Protein backbone atom coordinates (compact mmCIF):
# COMPACT_ATOMS: atom_id res chain seq x y z
CA MET A 1 -2.85 -0.02 25.09
CA SER A 2 -1.08 -0.44 28.35
CA GLY A 3 1.96 1.60 29.29
CA PRO A 4 3.47 4.49 27.37
CA ALA A 5 3.32 4.63 23.53
CA SER A 6 6.23 3.39 21.62
CA LEU A 7 8.29 5.83 19.55
CA ALA A 8 7.02 4.07 16.34
CA MET A 9 3.42 4.63 17.51
CA LEU A 10 4.01 8.28 18.17
CA GLN A 11 5.69 8.61 14.71
CA PHE A 12 2.67 7.03 13.14
CA LEU A 13 0.17 9.18 14.93
CA ALA A 14 2.12 12.30 13.99
CA TRP A 15 2.26 11.15 10.35
CA VAL A 16 -1.54 10.69 10.27
CA ALA A 17 -2.10 14.04 12.00
CA ASP A 18 0.19 15.92 9.61
CA ARG A 19 -2.14 15.96 6.66
CA PRO A 20 -5.06 13.97 5.20
CA ARG A 21 -4.15 10.38 4.57
CA THR A 22 -6.03 7.77 2.52
CA TYR A 23 -6.39 4.19 3.59
CA PRO A 24 -4.16 2.78 0.74
CA GLU A 25 -1.42 5.40 1.50
CA ALA A 26 -1.51 4.60 5.28
CA ARG A 27 -1.70 0.78 4.76
CA GLU A 28 1.16 0.77 2.26
CA GLY A 29 3.38 2.96 4.44
CA TRP A 30 2.84 1.29 7.80
CA HIS A 31 1.74 -2.26 7.25
CA SER A 32 4.84 -3.39 5.41
CA CYS A 33 6.89 -4.71 8.34
CA PRO A 34 5.54 -7.74 10.19
CA HIS A 35 7.72 -7.00 13.22
CA ILE A 36 6.30 -3.48 13.68
CA SER A 37 2.56 -3.62 14.14
CA VAL A 38 1.68 -0.01 14.67
CA TRP A 39 -0.96 -0.03 12.03
CA GLU A 40 -2.81 -2.94 13.56
CA ASP A 41 -2.18 -1.68 17.14
CA ALA A 42 -3.51 1.78 16.36
CA ILE A 43 -6.75 0.28 15.04
CA VAL A 44 -7.12 -2.13 17.92
CA ASP A 45 -6.42 0.51 20.47
CA GLY A 46 -8.86 2.96 18.95
CA LEU A 47 -6.22 5.58 18.04
CA ILE A 48 -7.20 5.96 14.40
CA ARG A 49 -10.37 5.51 12.39
CA ILE A 50 -10.94 4.72 8.79
CA GLU A 51 -13.76 6.73 7.28
CA ASN A 52 -16.22 4.96 4.98
CA GLY A 53 -16.32 7.69 2.35
CA GLY A 54 -14.90 7.46 -1.12
CA SER A 55 -11.42 8.42 -0.03
CA ARG A 56 -11.43 6.20 2.99
CA ALA A 57 -9.60 8.81 5.01
CA VAL A 58 -7.54 7.73 7.93
CA THR A 59 -7.85 10.08 10.82
CA LEU A 60 -6.92 10.21 14.50
CA THR A 61 -9.64 9.55 17.03
CA PRO A 62 -9.91 11.81 20.07
CA ARG A 63 -7.98 9.16 22.01
CA GLY A 64 -5.25 9.20 19.38
CA ARG A 65 -5.00 12.99 19.56
CA ARG A 66 -4.70 12.86 23.31
CA LEU A 67 -1.95 10.33 23.19
CA LEU A 68 -0.03 12.36 20.60
CA VAL A 69 -0.48 15.63 22.65
CA LYS A 70 0.77 13.93 25.87
CA ALA A 71 3.95 12.95 24.09
């Protein structure tokens, strides 16, 4: 990620941080618009991780937490 985070990215990170999220919940809520790629960008930029457990929890990485705190 180069430059400051977009408002949409900060909203997404705050949403993930708010409470436990499952992979289907996160994907459904944030992958629906092809013009807003925050879901894909957050994965590529290492801001979120998808756990391999049964619930496939979506969580912030340390990098994602730092970005959210800096905002």
